[in-house]
Amino acid sequence: MKHLNEFVQECLNFVRPPNMIRIAEVEINEVISAVMNIISHMFESESRKIRIEMDMHPELPKIYVNYEEIKQAFLNIVKNAFEAMPDGGQFTIRTRDKSGPPKFIEVTFSDNGIGIKKENLSKLSNPFFTTKLRGTGLGLAICHRIINERHGGKIHIESEENKGTTIRVELPVGRLLGEK
């Protein structure tokens, strides 16, 4: 029943229209700290086997985003990384200020887990595509929608089977077009 509830919630998150009212100025390092706090509770036993390195740029510009949506996207990414390292490993998060134009911040998530088969890389943002036994196939599709479509950002995924995965997220600095 829990799995069904999670699936329905993910479907709702995927189809929900963007809520521009909730756009606010956000400190991205604070979002990451909140995500890692949630993950440490979700993956309590796995957290003991995974070395976490956080290399956070101390003076990033604030960005205008929907805090809850960005938190959800990052949570999906980190959750995937932890699930890819069932026997433990190394997980690294880095934040960087990338001067433009255009100006953006970059968040990099790297793990040395099971990786992704080359033939599956192009399918990752497709809704309902999954390689997990109990996966919904909506996690990265939601990330893509939140980051690319709703926030004008980009998500890049590099992976090698049995070596690990690196996901780079770029989010623009400044207000989104059409915002007041």
Foldseek 3Di string as FASTA:
>chain_A
DVLVVVLVVLVCLLPPDDDLVQWDWADVVVLVVVLVVVVCVVPVPLVVQAAEAEAEDPDEGTATANSVLVSLLVNLVVVVQSVQCSRYWYWYWYWAWDVDVVTKIKIKIKTQGQWDDPVCPVVLLPFQDDPDPSDRSRNNVSNCCRQCVVFVKDWDWDIDGNGIIMIMIIGTHDDDPPHD
